[in-house]
Amino acid sequence: MYRGEMILKSIHPDADIELVAKNTGFPIRYLNIESTPPPTGEEMIALREIDPHDLRNIEFRSL
């Protein structure tokens, strides 16, 4: 582990490291990138409760 640095640990299954690097405002460091697991049913229920209008996805609709 590196002290004082962020290290990318996982990305979503439909993303790739080049896209992540292109859309990050700083150089990224990564080792053994894993695929981010999908949210559990319980996590989806919580998301729908705190974001009933699905505002979290507005940013990604144009991609």
Protein backbone atom coordinates (compact mmCIF):
# COMPACT_ATOMS: atom_id res chain seq x y z
CA MET A 1 0.00 0.00 0.00
CA TYR A 2 1.16 3.49 -0.82
CA ARG A 3 0.86 6.20 1.80
CA GLY A 4 -0.70 9.50 0.80
CA GLU A 5 -1.89 8.24 -2.58
CA MET A 6 -5.16 6.95 -3.91
CA ILE A 7 -5.00 3.67 -5.77
CA LEU A 8 -7.79 2.57 -8.08
CA LYS A 9 -8.96 -0.81 -6.87
CA SER A 10 -11.96 -1.57 -9.07
CA ILE A 11 -13.98 -0.32 -12.02
CA HIS A 12 -17.50 -1.07 -13.15
CA PRO A 13 -17.84 -4.00 -15.56
CA ASP A 14 -18.84 -1.75 -18.49
CA ALA A 15 -15.90 0.66 -18.01
CA ASP A 16 -12.27 0.36 -18.99
CA ILE A 17 -9.11 1.80 -17.50
CA GLU A 18 -8.48 4.14 -20.46
CA LEU A 19 -11.91 5.72 -20.02
CA VAL A 20 -11.35 6.12 -16.30
CA ALA A 21 -7.92 7.72 -16.84
CA LYS A 22 -9.30 10.06 -19.52
CA ASN A 23 -12.09 11.29 -17.23
CA THR A 24 -9.99 11.76 -14.11
CA GLY A 25 -8.39 15.14 -13.50
CA PHE A 26 -5.17 13.63 -12.16
CA PRO A 27 -2.89 10.67 -12.88
CA ILE A 28 -4.20 7.44 -11.45
CA ARG A 29 -2.30 4.56 -9.99
CA TYR A 30 -3.67 1.07 -10.13
CA LEU A 31 -2.67 -2.49 -9.37
CA ASN A 32 -4.68 -5.65 -10.09
CA ILE A 33 -7.92 -3.87 -10.93
CA GLU A 34 -10.99 -5.89 -10.08
CA SER A 35 -14.52 -5.56 -11.39
CA THR A 36 -16.80 -3.68 -9.00
CA PRO A 37 -19.46 -6.08 -7.76
CA PRO A 38 -23.07 -5.14 -8.50
CA PRO A 39 -25.07 -3.74 -5.61
CA THR A 40 -26.92 -6.23 -3.47
CA GLY A 41 -30.70 -6.22 -3.30
CA GLU A 42 -30.51 -4.54 0.09
CA GLU A 43 -28.20 -1.83 -1.29
CA MET A 44 -30.57 -1.20 -4.23
CA ILE A 45 -33.49 -0.80 -1.84
CA ALA A 46 -31.47 1.76 0.15
CA LEU A 47 -30.50 3.61 -3.05
CA ARG A 48 -34.12 3.80 -4.19
CA GLU A 49 -35.14 5.12 -0.78
CA ILE A 50 -32.58 7.94 -0.74
CA ASP A 51 -32.79 8.66 -4.50
CA PRO A 52 -36.34 7.83 -5.62
CA HIS A 53 -36.02 9.91 -8.82
CA ASP A 54 -32.83 8.13 -9.96
CA LEU A 55 -30.85 11.38 -10.00
CA ARG A 56 -27.61 9.43 -9.54
CA ASN A 57 -27.80 8.34 -13.19
CA ILE A 58 -28.24 11.78 -14.79
CA GLU A 59 -24.48 12.19 -15.17
CA PHE A 60 -24.18 9.02 -17.24
CA ARG A 61 -27.16 9.27 -19.58
CA SER A 62 -25.12 11.02 -22.28
CA LEU A 63 -22.35 8.38 -22.36
